[in-house]
Amino acid sequence: MLDIAILGLLMERDHHGYELRVQLRDRLGLSSNVSFGSIYPALARLERHGSVETVIAADGRLTALSTGSLSGERATLRSRRSAPGLGRRGRKVYRITERGRQEFARLLADPSTVDNGRNFSLRMALARYLTPALRVTLLDRRRGALLERLAELRAGTQVSDLDSYARAVMEHGARAIEFEIAWVDELLAHERINDEQDSYAGDAG
């Protein structure tokens, strides 16, 4: 999931490590377990696989650079920050490669973990990179998973020996799921309207 999030942010523009951490937290909602201790190993792995490349911003220009290791990166950053006139402009940044774009598209379209709420939310935050058909598939799968969970909760509230507190918690969970289903339905309706408009425009052309 972290790989998808990082590649998705790099689809927009190049980022250095601190910017990625802020964007992962504030834009994509990955507030838990996202630290430099997890981001930099993920970036190193993506770099080894050829999905990202490292560059250095110096005097407004980007120069290709790859150290091949996290310790090497840190040493390079320390040396450049101590050099006269570079300051913050000498920070290492990360850029997605063509291979990374292809890998991002593959991971984003992979439905294997859509039923997980957090993975679904991440994919929806990046859904502009999906085709309309894949967006509909993503939403339909999520709706099906929510309906199954809602049926389980509704059945659970009917258990005779359930105390009032436990039943209240289950009913609260059911209402939350109903709210999400309504939200998914709105998104599906929007996607289908757009699809009809695109089809009409294509026929008219």
N, C-alpha and C. Protein backbone atom coordinates (compact mmCIF):
# COMPACT_ATOMS: atom_id res chain seq x y z
N MET A 1 0.82 -1.20 0.00
CA MET A 1 0.00 0.00 0.00
C MET A 1 0.86 1.26 0.00
N LEU A 2 1.97 1.23 0.73
CA LEU A 2 2.85 2.39 0.78
C LEU A 2 3.46 2.65 -0.60
N ASP A 3 3.77 1.59 -1.33
CA ASP A 3 4.33 1.76 -2.68
C ASP A 3 3.34 2.50 -3.58
N ILE A 4 2.07 2.10 -3.53
CA ILE A 4 1.05 2.76 -4.34
C ILE A 4 0.97 4.24 -4.00
N ALA A 5 0.96 4.53 -2.70
CA ALA A 5 0.83 5.92 -2.25
C ALA A 5 2.02 6.77 -2.71
N ILE A 6 3.22 6.24 -2.55
CA ILE A 6 4.42 6.99 -2.94
C ILE A 6 4.43 7.22 -4.45
N LEU A 7 4.18 6.18 -5.21
CA LEU A 7 4.18 6.32 -6.67
C LEU A 7 3.08 7.27 -7.12
N GLY A 8 1.93 7.22 -6.45
CA GLY A 8 0.84 8.12 -6.81
C GLY A 8 1.20 9.58 -6.62
N LEU A 9 1.89 9.88 -5.52
CA LEU A 9 2.33 11.26 -5.28
C LEU A 9 3.39 11.68 -6.29
N LEU A 10 4.27 10.75 -6.64
CA LEU A 10 5.32 11.08 -7.61
C LEU A 10 4.78 11.19 -9.03
N MET A 11 3.58 10.68 -9.28
CA MET A 11 2.96 10.88 -10.58
C MET A 11 2.70 12.36 -10.83
N GLU A 12 2.45 13.11 -9.76
CA GLU A 12 2.14 14.53 -9.89
C GLU A 12 3.40 15.36 -10.11
N ARG A 13 4.40 15.11 -9.28
CA ARG A 13 5.65 15.86 -9.39
C ARG A 13 6.71 15.20 -8.54
N ASP A 14 7.95 15.64 -8.66
CA ASP A 14 9.03 15.12 -7.84
C ASP A 14 8.86 15.59 -6.40
N HIS A 15 9.30 14.76 -5.45
CA HIS A 15 9.21 15.09 -4.02
C HIS A 15 10.49 14.65 -3.32
N HIS A 16 10.86 15.36 -2.27
CA HIS A 16 11.89 14.82 -1.37
C HIS A 16 11.20 14.09 -0.23
N GLY A 17 11.97 13.40 0.59
CA GLY A 17 11.40 12.51 1.60
C GLY A 17 10.46 13.18 2.56
N TYR A 18 10.80 14.36 3.05
CA TYR A 18 9.93 15.04 4.01
C TYR A 18 8.60 15.41 3.37
N GLU A 19 8.64 15.90 2.14
CA GLU A 19 7.40 16.26 1.45
C GLU A 19 6.51 15.03 1.29
N LEU A 20 7.10 13.90 0.96
CA LEU A 20 6.32 12.68 0.81
C LEU A 20 5.62 12.31 2.11
N ARG A 21 6.35 12.42 3.22
CA ARG A 21 5.74 12.07 4.50
C ARG A 21 4.55 12.98 4.81
N VAL A 22 4.69 14.27 4.57
CA VAL A 22 3.61 15.22 4.82
C VAL A 22 2.41 14.92 3.92
N GLN A 23 2.69 14.67 2.64
CA GLN A 23 1.60 14.40 1.70
C GLN A 23 0.90 13.08 2.00
N LEU A 24 1.65 12.08 2.40
CA LEU A 24 1.05 10.79 2.76
C LEU A 24 0.10 10.95 3.93
N ARG A 25 0.48 11.81 4.86
CA ARG A 25 -0.36 12.02 6.05
C ARG A 25 -1.55 12.92 5.75
N ASP A 26 -1.30 14.06 5.12
CA ASP A 26 -2.33 15.09 4.98
C ASP A 26 -3.27 14.86 3.80
N ARG A 27 -2.76 14.32 2.72
CA ARG A 27 -3.59 14.15 1.53
C ARG A 27 -4.16 12.76 1.39
N LEU A 28 -3.38 11.75 1.75
CA LEU A 28 -3.81 10.37 1.54
C LEU A 28 -4.24 9.68 2.82
N GLY A 29 -4.11 10.36 3.95
CA GLY A 29 -4.63 9.82 5.21
C GLY A 29 -3.85 8.67 5.80
N LEU A 30 -2.59 8.50 5.41
CA LEU A 30 -1.79 7.40 5.96
C LEU A 30 -1.03 7.90 7.19
N SER A 31 -1.77 8.18 8.24
CA SER A 31 -1.15 8.79 9.42
C SER A 31 -0.43 7.77 10.30
N SER A 32 -0.87 6.52 10.25
CA SER A 32 -0.26 5.51 11.12
C SER A 32 0.83 4.76 10.38
N ASN A 33 1.90 4.45 11.10
CA ASN A 33 3.01 3.64 10.57
C ASN A 33 3.70 4.28 9.37
N VAL A 34 3.57 5.58 9.21
CA VAL A 34 4.29 6.26 8.12
C VAL A 34 5.33 7.17 8.75
N SER A 35 6.55 6.70 8.76
CA SER A 35 7.65 7.46 9.33
C SER A 35 8.79 7.40 8.34
N PHE A 36 9.84 8.16 8.62
CA PHE A 36 11.00 8.09 7.75
C PHE A 36 11.59 6.68 7.76
N GLY A 37 11.39 5.96 8.88
CA GLY A 37 11.88 4.60 8.98
C GLY A 37 11.16 3.64 8.05
N SER A 38 9.97 4.01 7.56
CA SER A 38 9.26 3.17 6.59
C SER A 38 9.31 3.76 5.19
N ILE A 39 9.34 5.09 5.09
CA ILE A 39 9.34 5.74 3.78
C ILE A 39 10.64 5.50 3.04
N TYR A 40 11.79 5.71 3.70
CA TYR A 40 13.06 5.59 3.01
C TYR A 40 13.37 4.16 2.56
N PRO A 41 13.09 3.14 3.37
CA PRO A 41 13.27 1.78 2.83
C PRO A 41 12.37 1.50 1.63
N ALA A 42 11.14 2.03 1.66
CA ALA A 42 10.24 1.85 0.52
C ALA A 42 10.80 2.53 -0.72
N LEU A 43 11.32 3.75 -0.55
CA LEU A 43 11.92 4.46 -1.67
C LEU A 43 13.15 3.72 -2.21
N ALA A 44 13.97 3.19 -1.29
CA ALA A 44 15.16 2.44 -1.71
C ALA A 44 14.76 1.21 -2.49
N ARG A 45 13.71 0.53 -2.05
CA ARG A 45 13.23 -0.66 -2.75
C ARG A 45 12.70 -0.30 -4.15
N LEU A 46 11.92 0.78 -4.22
CA LEU A 46 11.40 1.23 -5.50
C LEU A 46 12.53 1.65 -6.45
N GLU A 47 13.57 2.24 -5.88
CA GLU A 47 14.71 2.64 -6.70
C GLU A 47 15.45 1.41 -7.24
N ARG A 48 15.63 0.40 -6.39
CA ARG A 48 16.30 -0.83 -6.84
C ARG A 48 15.53 -1.49 -7.98
N HIS A 49 14.21 -1.40 -7.90
CA HIS A 49 13.37 -2.02 -8.93
C HIS A 49 13.23 -1.15 -10.18
N GLY A 50 13.81 0.03 -10.13
CA GLY A 50 13.73 0.91 -11.29
C GLY A 50 12.46 1.70 -11.41
N SER A 51 11.66 1.76 -10.34
CA SER A 51 10.39 2.48 -10.38
C SER A 51 10.55 3.97 -10.08
N VAL A 52 11.61 4.33 -9.33
CA VAL A 52 11.92 5.73 -9.08
C VAL A 52 13.40 5.95 -9.30
N GLU A 53 13.76 7.19 -9.52
CA GLU A 53 15.16 7.57 -9.60
C GLU A 53 15.39 8.77 -8.70
N THR A 54 16.61 8.94 -8.25
CA THR A 54 16.93 10.03 -7.36
C THR A 54 17.63 11.14 -8.11
N VAL A 55 17.30 12.36 -7.75
CA VAL A 55 17.89 13.54 -8.36
C VAL A 55 18.21 14.52 -7.26
N ILE A 56 19.03 15.48 -7.54
CA ILE A 56 19.35 16.52 -6.56
C ILE A 56 18.98 17.86 -7.14
N ALA A 57 18.23 18.64 -6.37
CA ALA A 57 17.85 19.98 -6.78
C ALA A 57 18.93 20.94 -6.30
N ALA A 58 19.63 21.57 -7.24
CA ALA A 58 20.67 22.52 -6.87
C ALA A 58 20.57 23.73 -7.79
N ASP A 59 20.40 24.92 -7.20
CA ASP A 59 20.27 26.15 -7.98
C ASP A 59 19.15 26.07 -9.00
N GLY A 60 18.04 25.38 -8.56
CA GLY A 60 16.87 25.32 -9.44
C GLY A 60 16.95 24.27 -10.51
N ARG A 61 18.05 23.50 -10.60
CA ARG A 61 18.20 22.48 -11.62
C ARG A 61 18.20 21.11 -10.95
N LEU A 62 17.79 20.09 -11.70
CA LEU A 62 17.77 18.72 -11.21
C LEU A 62 18.86 17.93 -11.92
N THR A 63 19.73 17.31 -11.14
CA THR A 63 20.83 16.54 -11.69
C THR A 63 20.69 15.09 -11.25
N ALA A 64 20.78 14.15 -12.17
CA ALA A 64 20.59 12.74 -11.83
C ALA A 64 21.64 12.30 -10.84
N LEU A 65 21.20 11.54 -9.82
CA LEU A 65 22.12 11.01 -8.81
C LEU A 65 21.50 9.78 -8.18
N SER A 66 22.28 8.74 -7.97
CA SER A 66 21.81 7.56 -7.25
C SER A 66 22.94 7.03 -6.40
N THR A 67 22.73 6.97 -5.09
CA THR A 67 23.78 6.48 -4.21
C THR A 67 23.70 4.98 -4.00
N GLY A 68 22.49 4.43 -4.16
CA GLY A 68 22.33 2.99 -4.02
C GLY A 68 22.09 2.53 -2.59
N SER A 69 22.15 3.42 -1.61
CA SER A 69 21.90 3.01 -0.23
C SER A 69 21.40 4.19 0.57
N LEU A 70 20.65 3.88 1.63
CA LEU A 70 20.13 4.93 2.50
C LEU A 70 21.26 5.65 3.22
N SER A 71 22.28 4.91 3.68
CA SER A 71 23.40 5.55 4.37
C SER A 71 24.16 6.46 3.42
N GLY A 72 24.29 6.02 2.17
CA GLY A 72 24.96 6.86 1.18
C GLY A 72 24.17 8.11 0.89
N GLU A 73 22.85 7.98 0.84
CA GLU A 73 22.00 9.15 0.62
C GLU A 73 22.17 10.17 1.73
N ARG A 74 22.15 9.67 2.97
CA ARG A 74 22.28 10.59 4.10
C ARG A 74 23.63 11.29 4.09
N ALA A 75 24.69 10.53 3.77
CA ALA A 75 26.02 11.14 3.72
C ALA A 75 26.08 12.20 2.63
N THR A 76 25.46 11.91 1.49
CA THR A 76 25.44 12.88 0.40
C THR A 76 24.70 14.13 0.80
N LEU A 77 23.55 13.95 1.45
CA LEU A 77 22.77 15.11 1.89
C LEU A 77 23.55 15.96 2.87
N ARG A 78 24.24 15.31 3.83
CA ARG A 78 25.02 16.07 4.82
C ARG A 78 26.12 16.87 4.14
N SER A 79 26.79 16.23 3.19
CA SER A 79 27.90 16.93 2.54
C SER A 79 27.41 18.09 1.70
N ARG A 80 26.28 17.93 1.03
CA ARG A 80 25.79 19.00 0.19
C ARG A 80 25.21 20.15 1.01
N ARG A 81 24.58 19.81 2.15
CA ARG A 81 24.04 20.87 2.99
C ARG A 81 25.14 21.71 3.60
N SER A 82 26.30 21.10 3.80
CA SER A 82 27.42 21.85 4.38
C SER A 82 28.18 22.66 3.34
N ALA A 83 27.90 22.39 2.06
CA ALA A 83 28.60 23.11 1.00
C ALA A 83 28.06 24.53 0.89
N PRO A 84 28.91 25.53 0.63
CA PRO A 84 28.46 26.91 0.55
C PRO A 84 27.45 27.11 -0.57
N GLY A 85 26.38 27.84 -0.24
CA GLY A 85 25.43 28.27 -1.26
C GLY A 85 24.37 27.28 -1.64
N LEU A 86 24.45 26.03 -1.12
CA LEU A 86 23.42 25.06 -1.51
C LEU A 86 22.23 25.09 -0.58
N GLY A 87 22.48 24.93 0.71
CA GLY A 87 21.41 24.96 1.68
C GLY A 87 20.32 23.97 1.33
N ARG A 88 19.07 24.41 1.47
CA ARG A 88 17.93 23.53 1.23
C ARG A 88 17.77 23.19 -0.24
N ARG A 89 18.38 23.99 -1.11
CA ARG A 89 18.21 23.71 -2.54
C ARG A 89 18.96 22.45 -2.96
N GLY A 90 19.86 21.94 -2.12
CA GLY A 90 20.64 20.77 -2.48
C GLY A 90 20.02 19.46 -2.03
N ARG A 91 18.78 19.46 -1.59
CA ARG A 91 18.17 18.24 -1.09
C ARG A 91 17.91 17.24 -2.22
N LYS A 92 18.05 15.99 -1.86
CA LYS A 92 17.78 14.92 -2.81
C LYS A 92 16.27 14.75 -2.96
N VAL A 93 15.82 14.59 -4.17
CA VAL A 93 14.41 14.38 -4.44
C VAL A 93 14.24 13.11 -5.27
N TYR A 94 12.99 12.66 -5.35
CA TYR A 94 12.69 11.40 -6.03
C TYR A 94 11.75 11.67 -7.19
N ARG A 95 12.00 10.94 -8.29
CA ARG A 95 11.22 11.11 -9.52
C ARG A 95 10.77 9.74 -10.00
N ILE A 96 9.53 9.65 -10.43
CA ILE A 96 9.02 8.38 -10.94
C ILE A 96 9.57 8.14 -12.35
N THR A 97 9.83 6.89 -12.66
CA THR A 97 10.32 6.51 -13.99
C THR A 97 9.16 5.97 -14.82
N GLU A 98 9.42 5.71 -16.08
CA GLU A 98 8.38 5.11 -16.92
C GLU A 98 7.99 3.73 -16.40
N ARG A 99 8.97 2.98 -15.93
CA ARG A 99 8.66 1.68 -15.33
C ARG A 99 7.80 1.87 -14.09
N GLY A 100 8.09 2.91 -13.30
CA GLY A 100 7.30 3.20 -12.12
C GLY A 100 5.87 3.56 -12.46
N ARG A 101 5.67 4.29 -13.55
CA ARG A 101 4.31 4.64 -13.98
C ARG A 101 3.52 3.38 -14.34
N GLN A 102 4.18 2.46 -15.01
CA GLN A 102 3.52 1.22 -15.37
C GLN A 102 3.19 0.39 -14.14
N GLU A 103 4.13 0.34 -13.19
CA GLU A 103 3.91 -0.41 -11.95
C GLU A 103 2.79 0.22 -11.13
N PHE A 104 2.76 1.53 -11.09
CA PHE A 104 1.69 2.23 -10.36
C PHE A 104 0.32 1.89 -10.95
N ALA A 105 0.21 1.93 -12.27
CA ALA A 105 -1.06 1.61 -12.92
C ALA A 105 -1.49 0.18 -12.61
N ARG A 106 -0.53 -0.74 -12.58
CA ARG A 106 -0.85 -2.14 -12.28
C ARG A 106 -1.32 -2.31 -10.85
N LEU A 107 -0.60 -1.70 -9.90
CA LEU A 107 -0.96 -1.82 -8.49
C LEU A 107 -2.30 -1.17 -8.19
N LEU A 108 -2.54 -0.01 -8.79
CA LEU A 108 -3.77 0.72 -8.52
C LEU A 108 -4.99 -0.03 -9.03
N ALA A 109 -4.84 -0.72 -10.16
CA ALA A 109 -5.96 -1.44 -10.75
C ALA A 109 -6.15 -2.82 -10.15
N ASP A 110 -5.20 -3.30 -9.35
CA ASP A 110 -5.28 -4.64 -8.75
C ASP A 110 -6.40 -4.68 -7.71
N PRO A 111 -7.43 -5.50 -7.91
CA PRO A 111 -8.56 -5.51 -6.98
C PRO A 111 -8.38 -6.40 -5.76
N SER A 112 -7.23 -7.00 -5.59
CA SER A 112 -7.07 -8.05 -4.58
C SER A 112 -7.27 -7.56 -3.15
N THR A 113 -7.02 -6.26 -2.88
CA THR A 113 -7.16 -5.76 -1.51
C THR A 113 -8.21 -4.66 -1.39
N VAL A 114 -9.10 -4.58 -2.36
CA VAL A 114 -10.09 -3.51 -2.36
C VAL A 114 -11.04 -3.62 -1.16
N ASP A 115 -11.29 -4.83 -0.70
CA ASP A 115 -12.24 -5.01 0.39
C ASP A 115 -11.74 -4.42 1.70
N ASN A 116 -10.46 -4.13 1.80
CA ASN A 116 -9.93 -3.46 2.98
C ASN A 116 -10.25 -1.98 2.89
N GLY A 117 -10.88 -1.43 3.95
CA GLY A 117 -11.35 -0.05 3.90
C GLY A 117 -10.25 0.96 3.64
N ARG A 118 -9.10 0.78 4.27
CA ARG A 118 -8.04 1.76 4.11
C ARG A 118 -7.44 1.70 2.71
N ASN A 119 -7.29 0.49 2.18
CA ASN A 119 -6.79 0.37 0.81
C ASN A 119 -7.77 0.97 -0.19
N PHE A 120 -9.06 0.78 0.06
CA PHE A 120 -10.07 1.36 -0.82
C PHE A 120 -9.99 2.88 -0.79
N SER A 121 -9.86 3.46 0.40
CA SER A 121 -9.79 4.92 0.51
C SER A 121 -8.57 5.46 -0.23
N LEU A 122 -7.45 4.76 -0.13
CA LEU A 122 -6.25 5.20 -0.83
C LEU A 122 -6.47 5.15 -2.33
N ARG A 123 -7.05 4.07 -2.82
CA ARG A 123 -7.29 3.96 -4.26
C ARG A 123 -8.27 5.03 -4.74
N MET A 124 -9.27 5.34 -3.94
CA MET A 124 -10.20 6.40 -4.34
C MET A 124 -9.51 7.75 -4.38
N ALA A 125 -8.59 7.99 -3.47
CA ALA A 125 -7.86 9.26 -3.48
C ALA A 125 -7.01 9.40 -4.73
N LEU A 126 -6.66 8.29 -5.35
CA LEU A 126 -5.83 8.29 -6.55
C LEU A 126 -6.62 7.86 -7.78
N ALA A 127 -7.94 7.86 -7.68
CA ALA A 127 -8.78 7.26 -8.72
C ALA A 127 -8.76 8.02 -10.04
N ARG A 128 -8.26 9.24 -10.05
CA ARG A 128 -8.20 9.97 -11.33
C ARG A 128 -7.24 9.30 -12.30
N TYR A 129 -6.37 8.42 -11.79
CA TYR A 129 -5.44 7.70 -12.66
C TYR A 129 -6.04 6.40 -13.20
N LEU A 130 -7.26 6.06 -12.77
CA LEU A 130 -7.93 4.87 -13.27
C LEU A 130 -8.83 5.22 -14.45
N THR A 131 -9.09 4.25 -15.30
CA THR A 131 -10.08 4.44 -16.36
C THR A 131 -11.47 4.46 -15.73
N PRO A 132 -12.46 5.05 -16.40
CA PRO A 132 -13.83 5.04 -15.85
C PRO A 132 -14.33 3.63 -15.53
N ALA A 133 -14.03 2.68 -16.41
CA ALA A 133 -14.48 1.30 -16.16
C ALA A 133 -13.86 0.73 -14.90
N LEU A 134 -12.58 1.00 -14.66
CA LEU A 134 -11.93 0.50 -13.45
C LEU A 134 -12.44 1.20 -12.21
N ARG A 135 -12.79 2.48 -12.33
CA ARG A 135 -13.37 3.17 -11.17
C ARG A 135 -14.71 2.54 -10.80
N VAL A 136 -15.53 2.22 -11.79
CA VAL A 136 -16.81 1.57 -11.52
C VAL A 136 -16.59 0.20 -10.89
N THR A 137 -15.63 -0.55 -11.40
CA THR A 137 -15.32 -1.87 -10.82
C THR A 137 -14.89 -1.74 -9.37
N LEU A 138 -14.03 -0.77 -9.09
CA LEU A 138 -13.56 -0.53 -7.73
C LEU A 138 -14.73 -0.22 -6.79
N LEU A 139 -15.62 0.65 -7.23
CA LEU A 139 -16.77 1.04 -6.41
C LEU A 139 -17.76 -0.11 -6.24
N ASP A 140 -17.99 -0.87 -7.30
CA ASP A 140 -18.91 -2.01 -7.21
C ASP A 140 -18.40 -3.05 -6.23
N ARG A 141 -17.10 -3.32 -6.27
CA ARG A 141 -16.53 -4.30 -5.34
C ARG A 141 -16.65 -3.82 -3.90
N ARG A 142 -16.38 -2.55 -3.69
CA ARG A 142 -16.50 -2.01 -2.33
C ARG A 142 -17.95 -2.07 -1.85
N ARG A 143 -18.89 -1.75 -2.72
CA ARG A 143 -20.30 -1.79 -2.35
C ARG A 143 -20.72 -3.21 -1.95
N GLY A 144 -20.26 -4.19 -2.72
CA GLY A 144 -20.58 -5.57 -2.39
C GLY A 144 -20.03 -5.98 -1.04
N ALA A 145 -18.79 -5.58 -0.75
CA ALA A 145 -18.18 -5.91 0.54
C ALA A 145 -18.93 -5.24 1.68
N LEU A 146 -19.37 -4.00 1.47
CA LEU A 146 -20.11 -3.29 2.51
C LEU A 146 -21.47 -3.93 2.77
N LEU A 147 -22.13 -4.36 1.72
CA LEU A 147 -23.44 -5.01 1.89
C LEU A 147 -23.31 -6.31 2.68
N GLU A 148 -22.24 -7.06 2.41
CA GLU A 148 -22.01 -8.29 3.17
C GLU A 148 -21.77 -8.00 4.64
N ARG A 149 -20.95 -6.98 4.92
CA ARG A 149 -20.68 -6.62 6.31
C ARG A 149 -21.93 -6.11 7.00
N LEU A 150 -22.74 -5.35 6.29
CA LEU A 150 -23.98 -4.84 6.87
C LEU A 150 -24.92 -5.98 7.23
N ALA A 151 -25.03 -6.98 6.36
CA ALA A 151 -25.89 -8.13 6.65
C ALA A 151 -25.40 -8.87 7.88
N GLU A 152 -24.09 -8.99 8.05
CA GLU A 152 -23.53 -9.66 9.22
C GLU A 152 -23.88 -8.89 10.50
N LEU A 153 -23.76 -7.58 10.45
CA LEU A 153 -24.07 -6.78 11.64
C LEU A 153 -25.55 -6.82 11.97
N ARG A 154 -26.39 -6.75 10.95
CA ARG A 154 -27.83 -6.81 11.19
C ARG A 154 -28.22 -8.16 11.80
N ALA A 155 -27.61 -9.22 11.33
CA ALA A 155 -27.89 -10.54 11.91
C ALA A 155 -27.39 -10.61 13.34
N GLY A 156 -26.25 -9.99 13.61
CA GLY A 156 -25.69 -10.01 14.95
C GLY A 156 -26.56 -9.29 15.97
N THR A 157 -27.23 -8.24 15.55
CA THR A 157 -28.08 -7.49 16.50
C THR A 157 -29.32 -8.29 16.90
N GLN A 158 -29.61 -9.35 16.17
CA GLN A 158 -30.79 -10.16 16.48
C GLN A 158 -30.50 -11.28 17.48
N VAL A 159 -29.24 -11.43 17.87
CA VAL A 159 -28.89 -12.47 18.84
C VAL A 159 -29.58 -12.16 20.17
N SER A 160 -30.27 -13.15 20.72
CA SER A 160 -31.14 -12.90 21.88
C SER A 160 -30.36 -12.55 23.14
N ASP A 161 -29.18 -13.11 23.35
CA ASP A 161 -28.46 -12.87 24.59
C ASP A 161 -27.50 -11.67 24.50
N LEU A 162 -27.63 -10.86 23.46
CA LEU A 162 -26.77 -9.69 23.29
C LEU A 162 -27.24 -8.58 24.22
N ASP A 163 -26.33 -8.04 25.04
CA ASP A 163 -26.76 -6.97 25.95
C ASP A 163 -26.93 -5.66 25.18
N SER A 164 -27.57 -4.70 25.83
CA SER A 164 -27.95 -3.46 25.14
C SER A 164 -26.74 -2.65 24.68
N TYR A 165 -25.64 -2.71 25.42
CA TYR A 165 -24.46 -1.94 25.05
C TYR A 165 -23.80 -2.52 23.79
N ALA A 166 -23.65 -3.84 23.78
CA ALA A 166 -23.07 -4.48 22.61
C ALA A 166 -23.95 -4.28 21.39
N ARG A 167 -25.28 -4.36 21.60
CA ARG A 167 -26.20 -4.15 20.47
C ARG A 167 -26.09 -2.71 19.95
N ALA A 168 -25.94 -1.75 20.86
CA ALA A 168 -25.83 -0.35 20.44
C ALA A 168 -24.57 -0.13 19.60
N VAL A 169 -23.48 -0.78 19.99
CA VAL A 169 -22.24 -0.65 19.22
C VAL A 169 -22.43 -1.23 17.82
N MET A 170 -23.06 -2.39 17.72
CA MET A 170 -23.28 -3.02 16.42
C MET A 170 -24.21 -2.19 15.55
N GLU A 171 -25.23 -1.61 16.16
CA GLU A 171 -26.15 -0.76 15.40
C GLU A 171 -25.45 0.50 14.91
N HIS A 172 -24.57 1.03 15.75
CA HIS A 172 -23.80 2.20 15.33
C HIS A 172 -22.91 1.85 14.13
N GLY A 173 -22.28 0.68 14.18
CA GLY A 173 -21.46 0.23 13.06
C GLY A 173 -22.29 0.04 11.80
N ALA A 174 -23.50 -0.48 11.96
CA ALA A 174 -24.38 -0.68 10.81
C ALA A 174 -24.76 0.65 10.17
N ARG A 175 -25.05 1.64 11.00
CA ARG A 175 -25.40 2.97 10.45
C ARG A 175 -24.22 3.58 9.70
N ALA A 176 -23.01 3.38 10.23
CA ALA A 176 -21.82 3.90 9.55
C ALA A 176 -21.64 3.24 8.19
N ILE A 177 -21.91 1.94 8.11
CA ILE A 177 -21.80 1.23 6.84
C ILE A 177 -22.87 1.70 5.87
N GLU A 178 -24.08 1.92 6.37
CA GLU A 178 -25.15 2.43 5.51
C GLU A 178 -24.78 3.79 4.93
N PHE A 179 -24.14 4.63 5.74
CA PHE A 179 -23.71 5.94 5.26
C PHE A 179 -22.66 5.78 4.15
N GLU A 180 -21.73 4.85 4.33
CA GLU A 180 -20.71 4.65 3.31
C GLU A 180 -21.30 4.07 2.03
N ILE A 181 -22.28 3.18 2.17
CA ILE A 181 -22.93 2.64 0.97
C ILE A 181 -23.60 3.76 0.18
N ALA A 182 -24.27 4.68 0.89
CA ALA A 182 -24.91 5.82 0.22
C ALA A 182 -23.86 6.67 -0.51
N TRP A 183 -22.70 6.85 0.10
CA TRP A 183 -21.62 7.61 -0.52
C TRP A 183 -21.10 6.91 -1.77
N VAL A 184 -20.91 5.60 -1.67
CA VAL A 184 -20.46 4.83 -2.82
C VAL A 184 -21.49 4.90 -3.95
N ASP A 185 -22.77 4.83 -3.60
CA ASP A 185 -23.83 4.93 -4.61
C ASP A 185 -23.78 6.27 -5.34
N GLU A 186 -23.51 7.34 -4.59
CA GLU A 186 -23.39 8.66 -5.22
C GLU A 186 -22.22 8.69 -6.20
N LEU A 187 -21.10 8.11 -5.80
CA LEU A 187 -19.94 8.08 -6.69
C LEU A 187 -20.22 7.24 -7.93
N LEU A 188 -20.90 6.12 -7.75
CA LEU A 188 -21.24 5.28 -8.89
C LEU A 188 -22.16 6.02 -9.86
N ALA A 189 -23.14 6.72 -9.31
CA ALA A 189 -24.06 7.47 -10.17
C ALA A 189 -23.30 8.54 -10.96
N HIS A 190 -22.36 9.19 -10.30
CA HIS A 190 -21.55 10.22 -10.96
C HIS A 190 -20.72 9.61 -12.08
N GLU A 191 -20.10 8.45 -11.82
CA GLU A 191 -19.29 7.80 -12.83
C GLU A 191 -20.13 7.39 -14.03
N ARG A 192 -21.33 6.90 -13.79
CA ARG A 192 -22.17 6.43 -14.89
C ARG A 192 -22.71 7.60 -15.71
N ILE A 193 -22.99 8.72 -15.06
CA ILE A 193 -23.41 9.91 -15.80
C ILE A 193 -22.28 10.37 -16.71
N ASN A 194 -21.07 10.42 -16.15
CA ASN A 194 -19.92 10.83 -16.95
C ASN A 194 -19.69 9.88 -18.12
N ASP A 195 -19.88 8.58 -17.87
CA ASP A 195 -19.68 7.59 -18.92
C ASP A 195 -20.70 7.79 -20.05
N GLU A 196 -21.96 8.07 -19.68
CA GLU A 196 -23.00 8.32 -20.68
C GLU A 196 -22.68 9.58 -21.48
N GLN A 197 -22.20 10.61 -20.81
CA GLN A 197 -21.86 11.86 -21.50
C GLN A 197 -20.70 11.64 -22.47
N ASP A 198 -19.70 10.86 -22.02
CA ASP A 198 -18.56 10.57 -22.89
C ASP A 198 -19.01 9.75 -24.11
N SER A 199 -19.94 8.80 -23.89
CA SER A 199 -20.43 7.99 -24.98
C SER A 199 -21.21 8.84 -25.98
N TYR A 200 -22.03 9.76 -25.45
CA TYR A 200 -22.81 10.66 -26.31
C TYR A 200 -21.89 11.56 -27.12
N ALA A 201 -20.85 12.08 -26.45
CA ALA A 201 -19.92 12.94 -27.16
C ALA A 201 -19.18 12.18 -28.25
N GLY A 202 -18.85 10.91 -27.96
CA GLY A 202 -18.18 10.09 -28.96
C GLY A 202 -19.07 9.80 -30.15
N ASP A 203 -20.36 9.52 -29.89
CA ASP A 203 -21.30 9.25 -30.97
C ASP A 203 -21.53 10.50 -31.82
N ALA A 204 -21.60 11.66 -31.12
CA ALA A 204 -21.85 12.91 -31.84
C ALA A 204 -20.68 13.27 -32.73
N GLY A 205 -19.45 12.90 -32.28
CA GLY A 205 -18.29 13.20 -33.09
C GLY A 205 -18.19 12.32 -34.30
